[in-house]
Amino acid sequence: MTGAERVDVAVIGGGPAGACLAARLARHGIEVVLVERSPSWRWHAAGVFSSPAAMGALRRVGVSEQLLTRVARPIPALRLETPGGATVRLTYGQERGGPPAVGFDRSALDPALLELARAAGTDVRTGTAVSAVQLGDGHTPAMLTLRARTSTTMLHARVVVGADGPQSIVALEAGVARPARLASRVGLTHHLADPRVDDEPVEGRMRILPDGYIGIAPVPGARVNIGIVLGRSWRPRLAREGATRLAASIEGAVLATPHDVAPWRGAATCDSIAGASPLGGRVTRRAGPGWFLVGDAAGFLDPFTGEGIHRALVSTELAAAAIRATLTGRSTATAAAGVYDRAMRRRFATKDAVTWLVQAFLARPVLFEYVARRLATRGDVRATMGLVMGDLIPASRALDPRFLAAVLAP
């Protein structure tokens, strides 16, 4: 055990949420240590598809246009395909002159955001795990036990932030972590080679399966990202065949279409399949005196609606303001935590209700097929749903009785 260190803010987790929050705070002269257990970037189960809203959030944190061009591939539309043959083409506002959705190269984006945090003055420590956290109370600092390969260090922090995913150590220590309300699911994801060049417009696909779905999103580097979510009924087959064989079978069953000739089917794999189970999690609070949760650590339901990256980035904007208020004495630790928690609830409560509505339809295949066929033929309604799913207009629009009537009417 080496000596104890003191710091203003300790951020646990070096993904986009942790890196962006650290960059925001360090630019204001706040002493930040960011710890990431992986010594270098490696592929893990993570979102890559996002609406245009995520690009705006990355610009607000200081990501350059040059970098955005390198890490994001435009996706003109996402085609939602049902087992019954309905196809719903969601454009996220591009048909009205807005920017397109994108597929992110996380192998380029994530390290670039860590460099952004370093350039802002953050002490970034990769290859360092947090083995224990004792939270403070807003007056006394939190204590973190950091374990690197050859040393163990104690770190005292006035504020500690969990940016370490749905099973956050901070959420567990605070006693706010709860299991996801959805039935247990498994996520499988990896990349396949795609001979189509990066500047060729390629639409994404979301194919509904019995008790699951598969998403195909083009990303930079002549690849597509495959994301598969499987419910409980798939467990026996997953145990029998294994993730690699099962994923290949599901991918091979996705037929070519006029909009996607699917040259990626059977192509070389670019990385090993990464899995996540249980998929999702929730928390009863997102902050308390001296601690905050951002990104997926602040609650994650399901990747179907594709807003996870944008939501994570918004959480860092709101958390940064609250943490600065705490550290500068403009607010008490308790009050600042409450402001952040309420702001997140206001910002995403209605969107969560829409997500639950979508899940209710998915759980009833006949009803989902009915809705999909009506969205496919009703352009204005379909356009509104795409904007809601992409966090581009208030989610309350999708819960308006007039909108629901327009969707469900024969």
Protein backbone atom coordinates (compact mmCIF):
# COMPACT_ATOMS: atom_id res chain seq x y z
CA MET A 1 0.00 0.00 0.00
CA THR A 2 1.41 3.35 -1.07
CA GLY A 3 0.42 6.71 0.39
CA ALA A 4 -2.99 8.35 0.19
CA GLU A 5 -3.79 10.99 -2.42
CA ARG A 6 -6.38 13.73 -2.37
CA VAL A 7 -8.36 15.00 -5.32
CA ASP A 8 -11.47 17.06 -6.03
CA VAL A 9 -13.26 14.47 -8.19
CA ALA A 10 -12.66 10.78 -8.86
CA VAL A 11 -14.36 9.36 -11.96
CA ILE A 12 -14.63 5.58 -12.19
CA GLY A 13 -14.88 4.38 -15.79
CA GLY A 14 -13.20 5.59 -18.95
CA GLY A 15 -16.02 5.23 -21.46
CA PRO A 16 -17.64 8.21 -23.20
CA ALA A 17 -19.57 9.31 -20.12
CA GLY A 18 -16.58 9.24 -17.77
CA ALA A 19 -14.22 10.87 -20.27
CA CYS A 20 -16.62 13.66 -21.23
CA LEU A 21 -17.50 14.48 -17.63
CA ALA A 22 -13.82 14.58 -16.68
CA ALA A 23 -13.05 16.89 -19.60
CA ARG A 24 -15.86 19.28 -18.65
CA LEU A 25 -14.72 19.50 -15.04
CA ALA A 26 -10.97 19.75 -15.72
CA ARG A 27 -11.51 22.68 -18.07
CA HIS A 28 -12.82 24.62 -15.09
CA GLY A 29 -9.70 24.03 -13.04
CA ILE A 30 -11.13 21.12 -11.04
CA GLU A 31 -8.62 18.42 -10.13
CA VAL A 32 -9.92 15.17 -11.63
CA VAL A 33 -8.58 11.63 -11.54
CA LEU A 34 -10.19 9.19 -13.97
CA VAL A 35 -9.55 5.49 -13.42
CA GLU A 36 -10.18 2.83 -16.06
CA ARG A 37 -9.46 -0.81 -15.28
CA SER A 38 -8.52 -1.81 -18.85
CA PRO A 39 -4.91 -0.95 -19.71
CA SER A 40 -5.92 -0.31 -23.35
CA TRP A 41 -9.11 -0.17 -25.35
CA ARG A 42 -10.77 -3.48 -26.19
CA TRP A 43 -14.11 -4.27 -27.76
CA HIS A 44 -16.89 -4.85 -25.27
CA ALA A 45 -20.67 -4.83 -25.48
CA ALA A 46 -21.45 -1.21 -26.27
CA GLY A 47 -23.80 0.86 -28.38
CA VAL A 48 -22.71 2.15 -31.77
CA PHE A 49 -25.92 3.37 -33.43
CA SER A 50 -27.22 6.78 -32.46
CA SER A 51 -29.53 9.50 -33.68
CA PRO A 52 -28.08 12.89 -34.74
CA ALA A 53 -28.58 14.15 -31.17
CA ALA A 54 -25.38 12.39 -30.04
CA MET A 55 -23.32 14.28 -32.60
CA GLY A 56 -24.58 17.57 -31.20
CA ALA A 57 -23.68 16.49 -27.67
CA LEU A 58 -20.15 15.53 -28.77
CA ARG A 59 -19.71 18.93 -30.40
CA ARG A 60 -20.79 20.62 -27.16
CA VAL A 61 -18.07 18.81 -25.23
CA GLY A 62 -15.44 19.99 -27.71
CA VAL A 63 -15.02 17.14 -30.20
CA SER A 64 -13.75 18.55 -33.49
CA GLU A 65 -15.49 18.13 -36.83
CA GLN A 66 -12.40 16.37 -38.15
CA LEU A 67 -12.62 13.75 -35.41
CA LEU A 68 -16.38 13.34 -35.83
CA THR A 69 -15.87 12.64 -39.53
CA ARG A 70 -13.37 9.93 -38.62
CA VAL A 71 -15.36 8.17 -35.89
CA ALA A 72 -18.95 8.42 -37.19
CA ARG A 73 -20.42 6.95 -40.37
CA PRO A 74 -23.71 8.51 -41.61
CA ILE A 75 -26.69 6.15 -41.71
CA PRO A 76 -29.50 7.52 -43.92
CA ALA A 77 -32.21 5.47 -42.23
CA LEU A 78 -32.91 2.54 -39.94
CA ARG A 79 -35.25 -0.09 -41.32
CA LEU A 80 -37.31 -1.84 -38.68
CA GLU A 81 -38.36 -5.24 -40.07
CA THR A 82 -41.00 -7.51 -38.54
CA PRO A 83 -41.42 -11.28 -38.94
CA GLY A 84 -44.66 -10.63 -40.80
CA GLY A 85 -42.96 -8.61 -43.52
CA ALA A 86 -43.67 -5.02 -42.46
CA THR A 87 -40.82 -2.50 -42.83
CA VAL A 88 -40.75 0.83 -41.00
CA ARG A 89 -38.14 3.22 -42.37
CA LEU A 90 -37.02 5.68 -39.66
CA THR A 91 -34.95 8.64 -40.86
CA TYR A 92 -34.64 10.67 -37.62
CA GLY A 93 -35.56 13.87 -39.42
CA GLN A 94 -33.15 13.64 -42.35
CA GLU A 95 -36.01 13.69 -44.86
CA ARG A 96 -36.84 17.14 -43.47
CA GLY A 97 -33.33 18.46 -43.97
CA GLY A 98 -31.75 17.36 -40.70
CA PRO A 99 -28.48 15.46 -40.26
CA PRO A 100 -28.51 11.66 -40.45
CA ALA A 101 -28.18 9.05 -37.76
CA VAL A 102 -24.69 7.61 -37.35
CA GLY A 103 -22.79 4.45 -36.54
CA PHE A 104 -19.79 5.06 -34.27
CA ASP A 105 -16.40 3.38 -34.43
CA ARG A 106 -15.98 2.89 -30.69
CA SER A 107 -12.38 1.76 -31.15
CA ALA A 108 -11.62 5.31 -32.35
CA LEU A 109 -14.19 7.31 -30.40
CA ASP A 110 -13.50 6.02 -26.89
CA PRO A 111 -9.70 6.54 -26.93
CA ALA A 112 -10.18 9.96 -28.54
CA LEU A 113 -12.48 11.04 -25.70
CA LEU A 114 -9.93 9.87 -23.13
CA GLU A 115 -7.33 12.03 -24.92
CA LEU A 116 -9.79 14.93 -24.79
CA ALA A 117 -9.97 14.48 -21.02
CA ARG A 118 -6.16 14.33 -20.75
CA ALA A 119 -5.77 17.47 -22.84
CA ALA A 120 -8.17 19.27 -20.51
CA GLY A 121 -5.98 18.39 -17.52
CA THR A 122 -7.48 15.13 -16.25
CA ASP A 123 -5.16 12.61 -14.60
CA VAL A 124 -6.19 9.53 -16.61
CA ARG A 125 -5.05 6.22 -15.10
CA THR A 126 -5.64 3.18 -17.27
CA GLY A 127 -4.96 -0.34 -16.06
CA THR A 128 -6.25 0.71 -12.63
CA ALA A 129 -9.19 -0.96 -10.91
CA VAL A 130 -11.27 0.36 -8.02
CA SER A 131 -11.54 -2.52 -5.58
CA ALA A 132 -13.44 -0.68 -2.86
CA VAL A 133 -15.32 2.58 -2.35
CA GLN A 134 -16.36 4.18 0.90
CA LEU A 135 -18.64 7.09 0.08
CA GLY A 136 -18.41 10.39 1.89
CA ASP A 137 -21.31 12.45 3.16
CA GLY A 138 -20.65 15.78 1.50
CA HIS A 139 -18.43 16.91 4.38
CA THR A 140 -15.95 14.05 4.62
CA PRO A 141 -14.37 12.78 1.38
CA ALA A 142 -14.97 9.43 -0.23
CA MET A 143 -12.17 6.87 0.00
CA LEU A 144 -11.27 4.68 -2.97
CA THR A 145 -8.87 1.75 -3.05
CA LEU A 146 -7.06 1.74 -6.41
CA ARG A 147 -5.22 -1.35 -7.58
CA ALA A 148 -2.74 -1.16 -10.43
CA ARG A 149 -0.53 -4.02 -11.52
CA THR A 150 2.24 -3.33 -9.02
CA SER A 151 0.69 -1.01 -6.44
CA THR A 152 -2.31 -0.24 -4.27
CA THR A 153 -3.24 3.37 -3.54
CA MET A 154 -5.81 5.12 -1.38
CA LEU A 155 -7.53 8.05 -3.04
CA HIS A 156 -9.61 10.59 -1.11
CA ALA A 157 -12.10 12.50 -3.28
CA ARG A 158 -14.54 15.25 -2.41
CA VAL A 159 -16.84 13.85 -5.12
CA VAL A 160 -16.86 10.37 -6.63
CA VAL A 161 -18.62 9.60 -9.91
CA GLY A 162 -19.71 6.19 -11.11
CA ALA A 163 -19.37 6.01 -14.90
CA ASP A 164 -18.78 2.28 -14.83
CA GLY A 165 -21.93 0.83 -16.35
CA PRO A 166 -25.11 -0.84 -15.11
CA GLN A 167 -23.34 -2.73 -12.30
CA SER A 168 -21.61 0.39 -10.98
CA ILE A 169 -19.58 -0.02 -7.81
CA VAL A 170 -20.75 3.44 -6.72
CA ALA A 171 -24.42 2.51 -7.15
CA LEU A 172 -23.86 -0.69 -5.19
CA GLU A 173 -22.06 1.13 -2.38
CA ALA A 174 -24.80 3.77 -2.24
CA GLY A 175 -27.45 1.05 -2.02
CA VAL A 176 -29.42 2.38 -4.99
CA ALA A 177 -28.79 -0.41 -7.54
CA ARG A 178 -31.79 -2.52 -8.50
CA PRO A 179 -32.34 -5.30 -11.07
CA ALA A 180 -33.86 -4.34 -14.41
CA ARG A 181 -37.63 -4.67 -14.53
CA LEU A 182 -37.53 -6.35 -17.93
CA ALA A 183 -37.13 -10.12 -18.03
CA SER A 184 -33.51 -11.25 -18.05
CA ARG A 185 -31.93 -10.92 -21.50
CA VAL A 186 -28.54 -11.53 -23.08
CA GLY A 187 -26.77 -9.13 -25.44
CA LEU A 188 -24.23 -10.35 -28.03
CA THR A 189 -22.28 -7.98 -30.24
CA HIS A 190 -19.32 -7.89 -32.63
CA HIS A 191 -18.25 -6.54 -36.03
CA LEU A 192 -18.21 -8.14 -39.45
CA ALA A 193 -16.30 -7.01 -42.51
CA ASP A 194 -18.34 -5.16 -45.14
CA PRO A 195 -16.86 -4.56 -48.62
CA ARG A 196 -18.93 -1.41 -49.13
CA VAL A 197 -16.79 1.72 -48.81
CA ASP A 198 -17.40 4.12 -45.94
CA ASP A 199 -18.77 6.95 -48.08
CA GLU A 200 -21.41 4.70 -49.66
CA PRO A 201 -24.84 5.38 -48.09
CA VAL A 202 -25.88 2.21 -46.27
CA GLU A 203 -29.02 1.96 -44.19
CA GLY A 204 -29.15 0.23 -40.84
CA ARG A 205 -31.51 -2.63 -40.06
CA MET A 206 -33.36 -3.85 -36.99
CA ARG A 207 -34.86 -7.29 -37.49
CA ILE A 208 -37.40 -8.47 -34.91
CA LEU A 209 -37.00 -12.09 -33.79
CA PRO A 210 -39.21 -14.24 -31.60
CA ASP A 211 -38.29 -13.03 -28.10
CA GLY A 212 -35.44 -10.84 -29.36
CA TYR A 213 -34.00 -8.77 -32.18
CA ILE A 214 -30.86 -8.20 -34.24
CA GLY A 215 -29.50 -4.81 -35.27
CA ILE A 216 -27.07 -4.21 -38.14
CA ALA A 217 -25.38 -0.80 -38.26
CA PRO A 218 -22.62 0.28 -40.67
CA VAL A 219 -19.59 1.84 -38.95
CA PRO A 220 -16.32 3.33 -40.19
CA GLY A 221 -13.62 0.98 -41.40
CA ALA A 222 -15.72 -1.02 -43.89
CA ARG A 223 -17.54 -2.92 -41.16
CA VAL A 224 -20.99 -3.45 -39.78
CA ASN A 225 -21.76 -3.78 -36.11
CA ILE A 226 -24.01 -6.68 -35.16
CA GLY A 227 -26.03 -6.34 -31.97
CA ILE A 228 -28.26 -9.23 -30.88
CA VAL A 229 -30.61 -9.18 -27.88
CA LEU A 230 -32.14 -12.49 -26.82
CA GLY A 231 -34.82 -13.22 -24.24
CA ARG A 232 -35.09 -16.12 -21.85
CA SER A 233 -36.43 -18.60 -24.39
CA TRP A 234 -33.06 -18.55 -26.20
CA ARG A 235 -31.07 -19.72 -23.18
CA PRO A 236 -31.14 -23.47 -23.92
CA ARG A 237 -29.95 -22.95 -27.46
CA LEU A 238 -27.27 -20.47 -26.35
CA ALA A 239 -25.99 -22.97 -23.80
CA ARG A 240 -26.04 -25.78 -26.35
CA GLU A 241 -24.47 -23.98 -29.34
CA GLY A 242 -22.42 -21.22 -27.75
CA ALA A 243 -22.44 -17.50 -28.59
CA THR A 244 -20.34 -17.68 -31.78
CA ARG A 245 -22.35 -20.42 -33.45
CA LEU A 246 -25.72 -19.00 -32.42
CA ALA A 247 -24.84 -15.49 -33.59
CA ALA A 248 -23.70 -16.85 -36.96
CA SER A 249 -26.98 -18.72 -37.35
CA ILE A 250 -29.05 -15.64 -36.54
CA GLU A 251 -26.99 -13.46 -38.88
CA GLY A 252 -27.28 -15.96 -41.71
CA ALA A 253 -31.08 -15.94 -41.42
CA VAL A 254 -31.25 -12.18 -42.11
CA LEU A 255 -32.13 -12.09 -45.79
CA ALA A 256 -30.75 -9.68 -48.35
CA THR A 257 -33.10 -6.91 -49.49
CA PRO A 258 -33.03 -4.32 -52.28
CA HIS A 259 -31.74 -1.82 -49.70
CA ASP A 260 -29.15 -4.15 -48.18
CA VAL A 261 -27.66 -6.90 -50.31
CA ALA A 262 -26.04 -8.07 -47.05
CA PRO A 263 -22.48 -8.70 -48.23
CA TRP A 264 -21.56 -8.93 -44.55
CA ARG A 265 -23.31 -12.29 -44.15
CA GLY A 266 -20.63 -14.90 -43.68
CA ALA A 267 -17.87 -12.28 -43.88
CA ALA A 268 -14.77 -12.30 -41.69
CA THR A 269 -15.26 -11.37 -38.06
CA CYS A 270 -13.33 -8.32 -36.92
CA ASP A 271 -13.39 -9.04 -33.19
CA SER A 272 -14.59 -11.63 -30.74
CA ILE A 273 -18.22 -11.66 -29.69
CA ALA A 274 -18.75 -9.64 -26.52
CA GLY A 275 -21.66 -10.49 -24.29
CA ALA A 276 -23.64 -8.72 -21.59
CA SER A 277 -25.94 -10.38 -19.10
CA PRO A 278 -28.03 -9.31 -17.35
CA LEU A 279 -28.74 -6.57 -19.88
CA GLY A 280 -29.76 -3.32 -18.24
CA GLY A 281 -30.21 -2.11 -14.71
CA ARG A 282 -31.87 0.64 -12.74
CA VAL A 283 -31.24 2.85 -9.75
CA THR A 284 -33.54 4.46 -7.22
CA ARG A 285 -31.44 7.65 -7.22
CA ARG A 286 -28.73 8.99 -9.49
CA ALA A 287 -26.89 11.08 -6.90
CA GLY A 288 -26.40 11.72 -3.21
CA PRO A 289 -24.12 13.89 -1.04
CA GLY A 290 -20.69 13.60 -2.64
CA TRP A 291 -21.54 10.97 -5.28
CA PHE A 292 -23.05 10.90 -8.77
CA LEU A 293 -23.94 8.31 -11.42
CA VAL A 294 -23.64 9.07 -15.14
CA GLY A 295 -24.03 7.12 -18.36
CA ASP A 296 -25.38 3.58 -18.09
CA ALA A 297 -24.60 3.62 -14.37
CA ALA A 298 -27.51 6.06 -14.01
CA GLY A 299 -29.93 3.45 -15.37
CA PHE A 300 -30.17 1.51 -18.61
CA LEU A 301 -33.31 -0.21 -19.89
CA ASP A 302 -32.77 -1.61 -23.38
CA PRO A 303 -30.72 -0.73 -26.49
CA PHE A 304 -33.73 -1.05 -28.85
CA THR A 305 -34.45 2.69 -29.11
CA GLY A 306 -30.77 3.52 -29.68
CA GLU A 307 -30.51 6.63 -27.51
CA GLY A 308 -27.97 5.30 -24.98
CA ILE A 309 -24.95 7.30 -26.16
CA HIS A 310 -26.87 10.57 -26.31
CA ARG A 311 -28.42 9.97 -22.90
CA ALA A 312 -25.00 9.26 -21.41
CA LEU A 313 -23.59 12.50 -22.81
CA VAL A 314 -26.52 14.55 -21.54
CA SER A 315 -26.02 13.08 -18.07
CA THR A 316 -22.45 14.41 -18.06
CA GLU A 317 -23.63 17.92 -18.91
CA LEU A 318 -26.13 17.93 -16.04
CA ALA A 319 -23.74 16.27 -13.58
CA ALA A 320 -20.88 18.65 -14.39
CA ALA A 321 -23.03 21.66 -13.50
CA ALA A 322 -24.11 20.10 -10.20
CA ILE A 323 -20.57 19.02 -9.23
CA ARG A 324 -19.18 22.47 -9.95
CA ALA A 325 -21.89 24.00 -7.77
CA THR A 326 -20.85 21.68 -4.95
CA LEU A 327 -17.12 22.29 -5.21
CA THR A 328 -17.42 26.09 -5.51
CA GLY A 329 -19.75 26.37 -2.53
CA ARG A 330 -22.67 27.67 -4.56
CA SER A 331 -24.73 24.72 -3.35
CA THR A 332 -24.60 22.14 -0.61
CA ALA A 333 -23.69 18.60 -1.59
CA THR A 334 -27.20 17.39 -0.79
CA ALA A 335 -28.90 20.15 -2.76
CA ALA A 336 -26.65 19.73 -5.80
CA ALA A 337 -27.28 15.98 -5.87
CA GLY A 338 -31.02 16.62 -5.72
CA VAL A 339 -30.84 19.12 -8.56
CA TYR A 340 -29.05 16.60 -10.77
CA ASP A 341 -31.38 13.73 -9.92
CA ARG A 342 -34.48 15.82 -10.63
CA ALA A 343 -33.00 17.19 -13.85
CA MET A 344 -32.36 13.67 -15.14
CA ARG A 345 -35.88 12.60 -14.22
CA ARG A 346 -37.41 15.59 -15.97
CA ARG A 347 -35.25 15.09 -19.03
CA PHE A 348 -35.89 11.36 -19.51
CA ALA A 349 -39.01 10.31 -17.59
CA THR A 350 -41.30 10.73 -20.60
CA LYS A 351 -38.81 9.03 -22.91
CA ASP A 352 -38.68 6.13 -20.47
CA ALA A 353 -42.47 5.89 -20.68
CA VAL A 354 -42.21 5.71 -24.50
CA THR A 355 -39.52 3.02 -24.19
CA TRP A 356 -41.79 0.98 -21.92
CA LEU A 357 -44.61 1.40 -24.44
CA VAL A 358 -42.37 0.04 -27.19
CA GLN A 359 -41.41 -2.89 -24.96
CA ALA A 360 -45.07 -3.61 -24.29
CA PHE A 361 -45.69 -3.86 -28.04
CA LEU A 362 -42.59 -6.04 -28.53
CA ALA A 363 -43.89 -8.45 -25.89
CA ARG A 364 -47.08 -8.92 -27.96
CA PRO A 365 -45.97 -9.85 -31.51
CA VAL A 366 -49.45 -9.55 -33.04
CA LEU A 367 -49.89 -6.04 -31.65
CA PHE A 368 -46.36 -5.02 -32.70
CA GLU A 369 -47.05 -6.26 -36.23
CA TYR A 370 -50.27 -4.24 -36.31
CA VAL A 371 -48.53 -1.05 -35.22
CA ALA A 372 -45.58 -1.57 -37.58
CA ARG A 373 -47.85 -1.94 -40.60
CA ARG A 374 -49.61 1.31 -39.78
CA LEU A 375 -46.36 3.19 -39.20
CA ALA A 376 -45.06 1.86 -42.52
CA THR A 377 -47.93 3.52 -44.43
CA ARG A 378 -48.42 6.72 -42.40
CA GLY A 379 -45.53 9.04 -43.19
CA ASP A 380 -46.19 11.88 -40.75
CA VAL A 381 -46.77 9.49 -37.84
CA ARG A 382 -43.66 7.51 -38.74
CA ALA A 383 -41.56 10.68 -38.96
CA THR A 384 -42.73 11.80 -35.51
CA MET A 385 -41.89 8.42 -34.00
CA GLY A 386 -38.38 8.58 -35.45
CA LEU A 387 -37.82 12.04 -34.00
CA VAL A 388 -39.07 10.90 -30.59
CA MET A 389 -36.90 7.78 -30.59
CA GLY A 390 -33.89 9.91 -31.53
CA ASP A 391 -34.41 12.45 -28.71
CA LEU A 392 -34.93 15.15 -31.34
CA ILE A 393 -38.37 16.32 -30.15
CA PRO A 394 -40.08 15.96 -26.75
CA ALA A 395 -41.06 12.36 -26.07
CA SER A 396 -44.45 13.59 -24.87
CA ARG A 397 -45.44 13.88 -28.53
CA ALA A 398 -45.58 10.08 -28.75
CA LEU A 399 -47.87 9.86 -25.72
CA ASP A 400 -50.35 12.45 -26.99
CA PRO A 401 -53.74 10.71 -27.34
CA ARG A 402 -54.11 12.17 -30.83
CA PHE A 403 -50.81 10.65 -31.89
CA LEU A 404 -51.66 7.27 -30.40
CA ALA A 405 -55.00 7.38 -32.16
CA ALA A 406 -53.24 8.13 -35.46
CA VAL A 407 -50.98 5.11 -34.91
CA LEU A 408 -53.63 2.63 -33.80
CA ALA A 409 -56.61 3.63 -35.93
CA PRO A 410 -57.44 1.02 -38.63
